[in-house]
Amino acid sequence: MFSLNQIPPQVFTSFAKESRNTLKIEQGPVGFKIVKDAFARPQTMIVLSGKDIAEIKMQINKHETQIVNAFKVSDIRKTQKDHQKALQNAQVIEESLGIEIGFPNTFRIATTAAKPEDKFFWIRRDIPTGYTNVLLYEVPMEALKKDDSLVNQVLKIRDSIGRSILEDQ
C-alpha cells in the first residue's frame, strides 16, 4: 500500500525530516501519536515506541488502522491540492448546465452535445488500465416517475445516454 524507506536516526536530517509522511519508530516507553507539521507543511508523522521489538510490533498491529488512515488522508489532501493547481477550463459546462465544477487538466472534455439544448458533457481521462469517465447531463424533472425507484431510473437514463454516445461514434 505504501513504499517505505528505512533510514537510521543519524540520517534523519534536512530533506528526510521534510518528507510528507513519516513513520518514526523509537525504543522507549510504549507510545503512539500522530504529529502534524512537525518539520514541514504539510506533514504527517506517526511516532511509535516500545521497550523492545515485540512491543513495537504490538503497537503497529494495535494502531494499524489509524496509521493507514492518517497516511491515506495525507496522500488524498496532497493529490487534491495538486489537482487544484491545474484545473481544466470548465466555462462551457458552467454556462450550459449552470453548475460550477472543477476537475484536473489531466481530464479532457471528450465530447459535448451536438445541440446546445441537449446539455451533455463527457469528461474523460485515459489511464494505464483503461479510462475514467464522468458524464454530466441534464434531464427534465418530469422524466423521473414518483412511483419508481430513483436509483433504477437514474441508471436507465445513464444507460440510454451511453447507448446514444456509442451509436454516434
N, C-alpha and C. Protein backbone atom coordinates (compact mmCIF):
# COMPACT_ATOMS: atom_id res chain seq x y z
N MET A 1 0.82 -1.20 0.00
CA MET A 1 0.00 0.00 0.00
C MET A 1 0.87 1.27 0.00
N PHE A 2 1.94 1.24 0.76
CA PHE A 2 2.86 2.37 0.83
C PHE A 2 4.27 1.88 0.58
N SER A 3 5.10 2.74 0.04
CA SER A 3 6.52 2.42 -0.10
C SER A 3 7.25 3.06 1.07
N LEU A 4 7.99 2.26 1.81
CA LEU A 4 8.72 2.76 2.97
C LEU A 4 10.21 2.65 2.73
N ASN A 5 10.94 3.64 3.19
CA ASN A 5 12.40 3.61 3.18
C ASN A 5 12.87 3.73 4.62
N GLN A 6 13.66 2.78 5.04
CA GLN A 6 14.19 2.80 6.40
C GLN A 6 15.50 3.56 6.41
N ILE A 7 15.61 4.52 7.34
CA ILE A 7 16.86 5.26 7.47
C ILE A 7 17.26 5.30 8.94
N PRO A 8 18.55 5.29 9.21
CA PRO A 8 19.00 5.36 10.61
C PRO A 8 18.73 6.77 11.18
N PRO A 9 18.55 6.87 12.49
CA PRO A 9 18.24 8.16 13.11
C PRO A 9 19.24 9.28 12.77
N GLN A 10 20.52 8.96 12.65
CA GLN A 10 21.51 10.00 12.38
C GLN A 10 21.36 10.59 10.97
N VAL A 11 20.65 9.89 10.08
CA VAL A 11 20.42 10.39 8.71
C VAL A 11 19.11 11.17 8.64
N PHE A 12 18.32 11.10 9.69
CA PHE A 12 17.02 11.78 9.71
C PHE A 12 17.23 13.28 9.93
N THR A 13 17.74 13.94 8.89
CA THR A 13 18.03 15.38 8.93
C THR A 13 17.50 16.01 7.65
N SER A 14 17.52 17.28 7.58
CA SER A 14 17.12 18.12 6.43
C SER A 14 16.03 17.50 5.56
N PHE A 15 16.37 17.03 4.35
CA PHE A 15 15.35 16.57 3.41
C PHE A 15 14.53 15.41 3.96
N ALA A 16 15.13 14.51 4.71
CA ALA A 16 14.39 13.37 5.27
C ALA A 16 13.34 13.86 6.27
N LYS A 17 13.69 14.86 7.06
CA LYS A 17 12.74 15.40 8.03
C LYS A 17 11.57 16.09 7.35
N GLU A 18 11.76 16.52 6.11
CA GLU A 18 10.72 17.27 5.41
C GLU A 18 9.81 16.39 4.57
N SER A 19 9.94 15.08 4.70
CA SER A 19 9.05 14.16 3.97
C SER A 19 7.61 14.37 4.41
N ARG A 20 6.69 14.14 3.49
CA ARG A 20 5.27 14.37 3.79
C ARG A 20 4.74 13.36 4.81
N ASN A 21 5.05 12.10 4.65
CA ASN A 21 4.59 11.05 5.56
C ASN A 21 5.80 10.36 6.17
N THR A 22 5.83 10.31 7.49
CA THR A 22 6.96 9.70 8.18
C THR A 22 6.45 8.80 9.29
N LEU A 23 7.01 7.60 9.35
CA LEU A 23 6.73 6.68 10.45
C LEU A 23 8.02 6.56 11.24
N LYS A 24 7.99 7.09 12.44
CA LYS A 24 9.18 7.08 13.30
C LYS A 24 8.99 6.04 14.39
N ILE A 25 9.93 5.10 14.46
CA ILE A 25 9.87 4.04 15.46
C ILE A 25 11.02 4.24 16.45
N GLU A 26 10.65 4.29 17.71
CA GLU A 26 11.64 4.57 18.76
C GLU A 26 11.61 3.48 19.82
N GLN A 27 12.76 3.26 20.43
CA GLN A 27 12.82 2.35 21.57
C GLN A 27 12.65 3.21 22.82
N GLY A 28 11.74 2.81 23.67
CA GLY A 28 11.46 3.57 24.88
C GLY A 28 10.11 3.18 25.44
N PRO A 29 9.52 4.06 26.26
CA PRO A 29 8.21 3.75 26.83
C PRO A 29 7.17 3.56 25.72
N VAL A 30 6.19 2.69 25.96
CA VAL A 30 5.14 2.41 24.98
C VAL A 30 4.43 3.71 24.63
N GLY A 31 4.27 3.96 23.33
CA GLY A 31 3.58 5.17 22.91
C GLY A 31 3.17 5.15 21.46
N PHE A 32 2.17 5.96 21.16
CA PHE A 32 1.68 6.15 19.80
C PHE A 32 1.13 7.55 19.70
N LYS A 33 1.56 8.29 18.70
CA LYS A 33 0.98 9.61 18.47
C LYS A 33 1.11 9.99 17.00
N ILE A 34 0.17 10.80 16.56
CA ILE A 34 0.19 11.36 15.20
C ILE A 34 0.50 12.84 15.36
N VAL A 35 1.58 13.26 14.72
CA VAL A 35 2.03 14.65 14.83
C VAL A 35 1.88 15.31 13.46
N LYS A 36 1.23 16.45 13.43
CA LYS A 36 1.05 17.19 12.17
C LYS A 36 2.09 18.30 12.06
N ASP A 37 2.66 18.42 10.89
CA ASP A 37 3.56 19.52 10.52
C ASP A 37 4.72 19.72 11.51
N ALA A 38 5.35 18.64 11.93
CA ALA A 38 6.46 18.73 12.88
C ALA A 38 7.67 19.44 12.28
N PHE A 39 8.03 19.10 11.06
CA PHE A 39 9.23 19.67 10.44
C PHE A 39 8.95 20.33 9.09
N ALA A 40 7.76 20.13 8.55
CA ALA A 40 7.40 20.67 7.23
C ALA A 40 5.88 20.79 7.14
N ARG A 41 5.42 21.46 6.09
CA ARG A 41 3.98 21.59 5.85
C ARG A 41 3.70 21.19 4.43
N PRO A 42 2.79 20.34 4.12
CA PRO A 42 2.05 19.50 5.05
C PRO A 42 2.86 18.26 5.40
N GLN A 43 2.70 17.79 6.60
CA GLN A 43 3.44 16.61 7.03
C GLN A 43 2.62 15.85 8.06
N THR A 44 2.64 14.53 7.93
CA THR A 44 2.04 13.65 8.93
C THR A 44 3.13 12.73 9.43
N MET A 45 3.41 12.84 10.71
CA MET A 45 4.43 11.98 11.32
C MET A 45 3.75 11.10 12.36
N ILE A 46 3.99 9.83 12.25
CA ILE A 46 3.47 8.89 13.24
C ILE A 46 4.66 8.40 14.05
N VAL A 47 4.55 8.52 15.36
CA VAL A 47 5.64 8.11 16.25
C VAL A 47 5.13 6.93 17.07
N LEU A 48 5.82 5.81 16.91
CA LEU A 48 5.52 4.59 17.66
C LEU A 48 6.70 4.25 18.54
N SER A 49 6.43 3.80 19.74
CA SER A 49 7.56 3.40 20.59
C SER A 49 7.18 2.22 21.46
N GLY A 50 8.20 1.50 21.85
CA GLY A 50 8.05 0.34 22.72
C GLY A 50 9.40 -0.02 23.30
N LYS A 51 9.39 -0.76 24.40
CA LYS A 51 10.66 -1.06 25.06
C LYS A 51 11.47 -2.12 24.32
N ASP A 52 10.79 -2.94 23.48
CA ASP A 52 11.51 -3.94 22.69
C ASP A 52 10.77 -4.17 21.36
N ILE A 53 11.35 -5.00 20.50
CA ILE A 53 10.78 -5.24 19.17
C ILE A 53 9.37 -5.83 19.28
N ALA A 54 9.16 -6.76 20.19
CA ALA A 54 7.85 -7.38 20.35
C ALA A 54 6.79 -6.33 20.69
N GLU A 55 7.14 -5.41 21.57
CA GLU A 55 6.20 -4.36 21.97
C GLU A 55 5.94 -3.39 20.82
N ILE A 56 6.97 -3.09 20.05
CA ILE A 56 6.81 -2.20 18.88
C ILE A 56 5.89 -2.87 17.85
N LYS A 57 6.09 -4.16 17.61
CA LYS A 57 5.22 -4.90 16.69
C LYS A 57 3.77 -4.84 17.18
N MET A 58 3.59 -5.00 18.48
CA MET A 58 2.26 -4.96 19.06
C MET A 58 1.62 -3.58 18.83
N GLN A 59 2.41 -2.52 19.00
CA GLN A 59 1.91 -1.16 18.78
C GLN A 59 1.50 -0.96 17.30
N ILE A 60 2.32 -1.49 16.40
CA ILE A 60 2.00 -1.37 14.97
C ILE A 60 0.68 -2.08 14.68
N ASN A 61 0.53 -3.29 15.17
CA ASN A 61 -0.71 -4.04 14.95
C ASN A 61 -1.91 -3.36 15.61
N LYS A 62 -1.72 -2.85 16.79
CA LYS A 62 -2.81 -2.20 17.53
C LYS A 62 -3.29 -0.94 16.81
N HIS A 63 -2.38 -0.18 16.20
CA HIS A 63 -2.72 1.10 15.60
C HIS A 63 -2.71 1.07 14.06
N GLU A 64 -2.72 -0.13 13.51
CA GLU A 64 -2.64 -0.31 12.07
C GLU A 64 -3.66 0.56 11.31
N THR A 65 -4.91 0.53 11.71
CA THR A 65 -5.96 1.28 11.01
C THR A 65 -5.70 2.78 11.09
N GLN A 66 -5.31 3.27 12.25
CA GLN A 66 -5.03 4.70 12.41
C GLN A 66 -3.84 5.12 11.54
N ILE A 67 -2.83 4.29 11.47
CA ILE A 67 -1.64 4.60 10.67
C ILE A 67 -2.01 4.69 9.19
N VAL A 68 -2.69 3.67 8.70
CA VAL A 68 -3.08 3.64 7.29
C VAL A 68 -3.98 4.82 6.97
N ASN A 69 -4.97 5.08 7.82
CA ASN A 69 -5.89 6.20 7.56
C ASN A 69 -5.18 7.54 7.56
N ALA A 70 -4.27 7.75 8.49
CA ALA A 70 -3.55 9.02 8.56
C ALA A 70 -2.74 9.26 7.28
N PHE A 71 -2.06 8.22 6.80
CA PHE A 71 -1.26 8.38 5.57
C PHE A 71 -2.15 8.51 4.34
N LYS A 72 -3.27 7.80 4.31
CA LYS A 72 -4.20 7.94 3.17
C LYS A 72 -4.75 9.36 3.10
N VAL A 73 -5.20 9.87 4.24
CA VAL A 73 -5.74 11.23 4.28
C VAL A 73 -4.69 12.23 3.80
N SER A 74 -3.46 12.05 4.24
CA SER A 74 -2.37 12.92 3.83
C SER A 74 -2.16 12.86 2.31
N ASP A 75 -2.17 11.66 1.76
CA ASP A 75 -1.98 11.49 0.32
C ASP A 75 -3.14 12.08 -0.47
N ILE A 76 -4.36 11.89 0.01
CA ILE A 76 -5.53 12.44 -0.68
C ILE A 76 -5.47 13.97 -0.68
N ARG A 77 -5.15 14.55 0.47
CA ARG A 77 -5.05 16.02 0.54
C ARG A 77 -3.99 16.56 -0.42
N LYS A 78 -2.86 15.87 -0.51
CA LYS A 78 -1.79 16.28 -1.43
C LYS A 78 -2.27 16.20 -2.87
N THR A 79 -2.92 15.12 -3.23
CA THR A 79 -3.43 14.95 -4.59
C THR A 79 -4.48 16.02 -4.90
N GLN A 80 -5.38 16.28 -3.97
CA GLN A 80 -6.39 17.31 -4.18
C GLN A 80 -5.75 18.68 -4.37
N LYS A 81 -4.75 18.98 -3.57
CA LYS A 81 -4.06 20.26 -3.68
C LYS A 81 -3.36 20.38 -5.04
N ASP A 82 -2.71 19.30 -5.48
CA ASP A 82 -2.06 19.30 -6.78
C ASP A 82 -3.07 19.52 -7.91
N HIS A 83 -4.21 18.86 -7.80
CA HIS A 83 -5.24 18.99 -8.84
C HIS A 83 -5.81 20.41 -8.89
N GLN A 84 -5.90 21.06 -7.76
CA GLN A 84 -6.42 22.43 -7.72
C GLN A 84 -5.50 23.42 -8.44
N LYS A 85 -4.23 23.06 -8.54
CA LYS A 85 -3.26 23.96 -9.18
C LYS A 85 -3.44 24.02 -10.69
N ALA A 86 -3.97 22.96 -11.29
CA ALA A 86 -4.07 22.89 -12.75
C ALA A 86 -5.44 22.34 -13.14
N LEU A 87 -6.44 23.23 -13.12
CA LEU A 87 -7.79 22.82 -13.44
C LEU A 87 -8.10 23.02 -14.92
N GLN A 88 -8.94 22.13 -15.43
CA GLN A 88 -9.42 22.24 -16.81
C GLN A 88 -10.38 23.43 -16.89
N ASN A 89 -10.39 24.10 -18.02
CA ASN A 89 -11.33 25.20 -18.23
C ASN A 89 -12.73 24.60 -18.41
N ALA A 90 -13.62 24.86 -17.46
CA ALA A 90 -14.96 24.28 -17.48
C ALA A 90 -16.03 25.32 -17.73
N GLN A 91 -15.65 26.44 -18.31
CA GLN A 91 -16.61 27.53 -18.52
C GLN A 91 -17.79 27.10 -19.38
N VAL A 92 -17.56 26.32 -20.41
CA VAL A 92 -18.64 25.88 -21.29
C VAL A 92 -19.66 25.03 -20.52
N ILE A 93 -19.18 24.22 -19.59
CA ILE A 93 -20.07 23.40 -18.77
C ILE A 93 -20.85 24.30 -17.81
N GLU A 94 -20.15 25.23 -17.19
CA GLU A 94 -20.80 26.13 -16.24
C GLU A 94 -21.90 26.94 -16.91
N GLU A 95 -21.63 27.42 -18.12
CA GLU A 95 -22.63 28.21 -18.85
C GLU A 95 -23.81 27.36 -19.28
N SER A 96 -23.55 26.15 -19.73
CA SER A 96 -24.61 25.28 -20.24
C SER A 96 -25.48 24.69 -19.13
N LEU A 97 -24.85 24.15 -18.09
CA LEU A 97 -25.59 23.45 -17.05
C LEU A 97 -25.87 24.31 -15.81
N GLY A 98 -25.22 25.46 -15.73
CA GLY A 98 -25.44 26.33 -14.59
C GLY A 98 -24.83 25.79 -13.30
N ILE A 99 -23.78 25.00 -13.43
CA ILE A 99 -23.09 24.47 -12.25
C ILE A 99 -21.63 24.87 -12.32
N GLU A 100 -21.03 25.02 -11.15
CA GLU A 100 -19.60 25.29 -11.10
C GLU A 100 -18.90 23.98 -10.79
N ILE A 101 -17.93 23.64 -11.63
CA ILE A 101 -17.24 22.36 -11.47
C ILE A 101 -15.76 22.56 -11.71
N GLY A 102 -14.96 21.89 -10.93
CA GLY A 102 -13.51 21.93 -11.13
C GLY A 102 -13.00 20.51 -11.27
N PHE A 103 -12.19 20.27 -12.28
CA PHE A 103 -11.57 18.96 -12.44
C PHE A 103 -10.19 19.15 -13.04
N PRO A 104 -9.26 18.25 -12.72
CA PRO A 104 -7.87 18.42 -13.15
C PRO A 104 -7.73 18.42 -14.66
N ASN A 105 -6.70 19.12 -15.14
CA ASN A 105 -6.49 19.17 -16.58
C ASN A 105 -5.93 17.86 -17.13
N THR A 106 -5.78 16.86 -16.29
CA THR A 106 -5.44 15.53 -16.79
C THR A 106 -6.67 14.88 -17.41
N PHE A 107 -7.85 15.45 -17.15
CA PHE A 107 -9.09 15.04 -17.80
C PHE A 107 -9.32 15.96 -18.98
N ARG A 108 -10.11 15.51 -19.92
CA ARG A 108 -10.47 16.36 -21.05
C ARG A 108 -11.95 16.22 -21.32
N ILE A 109 -12.51 17.25 -21.91
CA ILE A 109 -13.90 17.17 -22.32
C ILE A 109 -13.87 16.44 -23.67
N ALA A 110 -14.29 15.17 -23.63
CA ALA A 110 -14.18 14.32 -24.82
C ALA A 110 -15.25 14.66 -25.84
N THR A 111 -16.43 14.98 -25.37
CA THR A 111 -17.50 15.33 -26.30
C THR A 111 -18.53 16.17 -25.58
N THR A 112 -19.21 16.96 -26.36
CA THR A 112 -20.34 17.74 -25.85
C THR A 112 -21.54 17.40 -26.72
N ALA A 113 -22.69 17.84 -26.32
CA ALA A 113 -23.90 17.56 -27.09
C ALA A 113 -23.80 18.20 -28.47
N ALA A 114 -24.37 17.53 -29.44
CA ALA A 114 -24.40 18.07 -30.80
C ALA A 114 -25.22 19.36 -30.83
N LYS A 115 -26.28 19.37 -30.03
CA LYS A 115 -27.13 20.57 -29.93
C LYS A 115 -26.99 21.13 -28.51
N PRO A 116 -26.76 22.44 -28.38
CA PRO A 116 -26.60 23.02 -27.03
C PRO A 116 -27.76 22.71 -26.09
N GLU A 117 -28.96 22.58 -26.60
CA GLU A 117 -30.10 22.32 -25.73
C GLU A 117 -30.09 20.92 -25.11
N ASP A 118 -29.25 20.01 -25.65
CA ASP A 118 -29.15 18.67 -25.09
C ASP A 118 -28.38 18.66 -23.76
N LYS A 119 -27.56 19.64 -23.54
CA LYS A 119 -26.83 19.82 -22.27
C LYS A 119 -26.16 18.53 -21.80
N PHE A 120 -25.18 18.07 -22.56
CA PHE A 120 -24.48 16.83 -22.27
C PHE A 120 -22.97 17.04 -22.41
N PHE A 121 -22.21 16.51 -21.43
CA PHE A 121 -20.75 16.60 -21.47
C PHE A 121 -20.17 15.28 -21.01
N TRP A 122 -19.18 14.83 -21.76
CA TRP A 122 -18.45 13.60 -21.41
C TRP A 122 -17.03 14.02 -21.09
N ILE A 123 -16.62 13.80 -19.86
CA ILE A 123 -15.28 14.16 -19.39
C ILE A 123 -14.53 12.86 -19.19
N ARG A 124 -13.30 12.81 -19.69
CA ARG A 124 -12.60 11.52 -19.69
C ARG A 124 -11.12 11.68 -19.40
N ARG A 125 -10.56 10.63 -18.86
CA ARG A 125 -9.12 10.56 -18.63
C ARG A 125 -8.66 9.15 -18.96
N ASP A 126 -7.69 9.03 -19.84
CA ASP A 126 -7.12 7.73 -20.16
C ASP A 126 -6.12 7.37 -19.06
N ILE A 127 -6.21 6.14 -18.59
CA ILE A 127 -5.30 5.64 -17.57
C ILE A 127 -4.71 4.32 -18.06
N PRO A 128 -3.62 3.86 -17.47
CA PRO A 128 -2.97 2.64 -17.97
C PRO A 128 -3.90 1.43 -18.09
N THR A 129 -4.89 1.33 -17.22
CA THR A 129 -5.77 0.16 -17.24
C THR A 129 -7.08 0.40 -17.99
N GLY A 130 -7.21 1.54 -18.66
CA GLY A 130 -8.44 1.85 -19.40
C GLY A 130 -8.70 3.34 -19.41
N TYR A 131 -9.79 3.73 -18.76
CA TYR A 131 -10.13 5.15 -18.71
C TYR A 131 -11.09 5.41 -17.56
N THR A 132 -11.18 6.67 -17.19
CA THR A 132 -12.11 7.12 -16.17
C THR A 132 -13.02 8.13 -16.83
N ASN A 133 -14.32 7.99 -16.60
CA ASN A 133 -15.30 8.87 -17.24
C ASN A 133 -16.18 9.57 -16.23
N VAL A 134 -16.60 10.77 -16.60
CA VAL A 134 -17.63 11.49 -15.87
C VAL A 134 -18.60 11.99 -16.92
N LEU A 135 -19.87 11.69 -16.75
CA LEU A 135 -20.90 12.19 -17.65
C LEU A 135 -21.70 13.25 -16.92
N LEU A 136 -21.88 14.37 -17.55
CA LEU A 136 -22.70 15.44 -16.99
C LEU A 136 -23.81 15.72 -17.99
N TYR A 137 -25.04 15.70 -17.51
CA TYR A 137 -26.16 15.98 -18.40
C TYR A 137 -27.35 16.43 -17.57
N GLU A 138 -28.29 17.01 -18.26
CA GLU A 138 -29.49 17.50 -17.61
C GLU A 138 -30.68 16.80 -18.23
N VAL A 139 -31.59 16.36 -17.39
CA VAL A 139 -32.84 15.77 -17.87
C VAL A 139 -33.99 16.50 -17.19
N PRO A 140 -35.13 16.58 -17.85
CA PRO A 140 -36.27 17.27 -17.23
C PRO A 140 -36.78 16.49 -16.01
N MET A 141 -37.26 17.20 -15.02
CA MET A 141 -37.77 16.57 -13.80
C MET A 141 -38.89 15.59 -14.11
N GLU A 142 -39.70 15.91 -15.12
CA GLU A 142 -40.83 15.03 -15.45
C GLU A 142 -40.37 13.68 -16.04
N ALA A 143 -39.08 13.57 -16.34
CA ALA A 143 -38.55 12.29 -16.82
C ALA A 143 -38.46 11.27 -15.68
N LEU A 144 -38.53 11.76 -14.45
CA LEU A 144 -38.47 10.88 -13.28
C LEU A 144 -39.89 10.61 -12.76
N LYS A 145 -40.21 9.34 -12.58
CA LYS A 145 -41.54 8.94 -12.10
C LYS A 145 -41.50 8.78 -10.59
N LYS A 146 -42.51 9.28 -9.91
CA LYS A 146 -42.53 9.23 -8.46
C LYS A 146 -42.75 7.82 -7.91
N ASP A 147 -43.38 6.95 -8.68
CA ASP A 147 -43.71 5.62 -8.18
C ASP A 147 -42.64 4.57 -8.47
N ASP A 148 -41.51 4.96 -9.01
CA ASP A 148 -40.44 4.02 -9.35
C ASP A 148 -39.19 4.37 -8.54
N SER A 149 -38.29 3.42 -8.39
CA SER A 149 -37.04 3.63 -7.67
C SER A 149 -36.19 4.68 -8.38
N LEU A 150 -35.77 5.69 -7.65
CA LEU A 150 -34.95 6.76 -8.23
C LEU A 150 -33.64 6.22 -8.77
N VAL A 151 -33.02 5.31 -8.03
CA VAL A 151 -31.75 4.72 -8.46
C VAL A 151 -31.93 4.01 -9.80
N ASN A 152 -32.96 3.18 -9.91
CA ASN A 152 -33.20 2.46 -11.18
C ASN A 152 -33.45 3.43 -12.32
N GLN A 153 -34.17 4.49 -12.07
CA GLN A 153 -34.45 5.47 -13.12
C GLN A 153 -33.17 6.17 -13.59
N VAL A 154 -32.34 6.57 -12.64
CA VAL A 154 -31.09 7.23 -12.97
C VAL A 154 -30.21 6.29 -13.79
N LEU A 155 -30.15 5.02 -13.39
CA LEU A 155 -29.36 4.05 -14.14
C LEU A 155 -29.89 3.86 -15.56
N LYS A 156 -31.20 3.81 -15.73
CA LYS A 156 -31.79 3.67 -17.06
C LYS A 156 -31.47 4.87 -17.94
N ILE A 157 -31.57 6.06 -17.36
CA ILE A 157 -31.25 7.28 -18.12
C ILE A 157 -29.78 7.27 -18.51
N ARG A 158 -28.91 6.94 -17.55
CA ARG A 158 -27.47 6.86 -17.84
C ARG A 158 -27.19 5.87 -18.96
N ASP A 159 -27.80 4.70 -18.88
CA ASP A 159 -27.57 3.67 -19.90
C ASP A 159 -28.07 4.12 -21.27
N SER A 160 -29.21 4.80 -21.31
CA SER A 160 -29.72 5.25 -22.61
C SER A 160 -28.81 6.32 -23.21
N ILE A 161 -28.25 7.17 -22.38
CA ILE A 161 -27.31 8.18 -22.86
C ILE A 161 -26.03 7.51 -23.33
N GLY A 162 -25.56 6.53 -22.60
CA GLY A 162 -24.38 5.77 -23.01
C GLY A 162 -24.57 5.09 -24.36
N ARG A 163 -25.76 4.48 -24.55
CA ARG A 163 -26.04 3.85 -25.84
C ARG A 163 -26.03 4.87 -26.98
N SER A 164 -26.62 6.03 -26.74
CA SER A 164 -26.66 7.05 -27.81
C SER A 164 -25.26 7.55 -28.16
N ILE A 165 -24.38 7.62 -27.16
CA ILE A 165 -22.99 8.03 -27.43
C ILE A 165 -22.31 7.00 -28.33
N LEU A 166 -22.48 5.73 -27.97
CA LEU A 166 -21.85 4.66 -28.77
C LEU A 166 -22.39 4.63 -30.19
N GLU A 167 -23.68 4.90 -30.37
CA GLU A 167 -24.28 4.91 -31.70
C GLU A 167 -23.75 6.06 -32.55
N ASP A 168 -23.43 7.18 -31.91
CA ASP A 168 -22.93 8.35 -32.63
C ASP A 168 -21.48 8.20 -33.06
N GLN A 169 -20.76 7.25 -32.45
CA GLN A 169 -19.34 7.12 -32.76
C GLN A 169 -19.10 6.29 -33.99
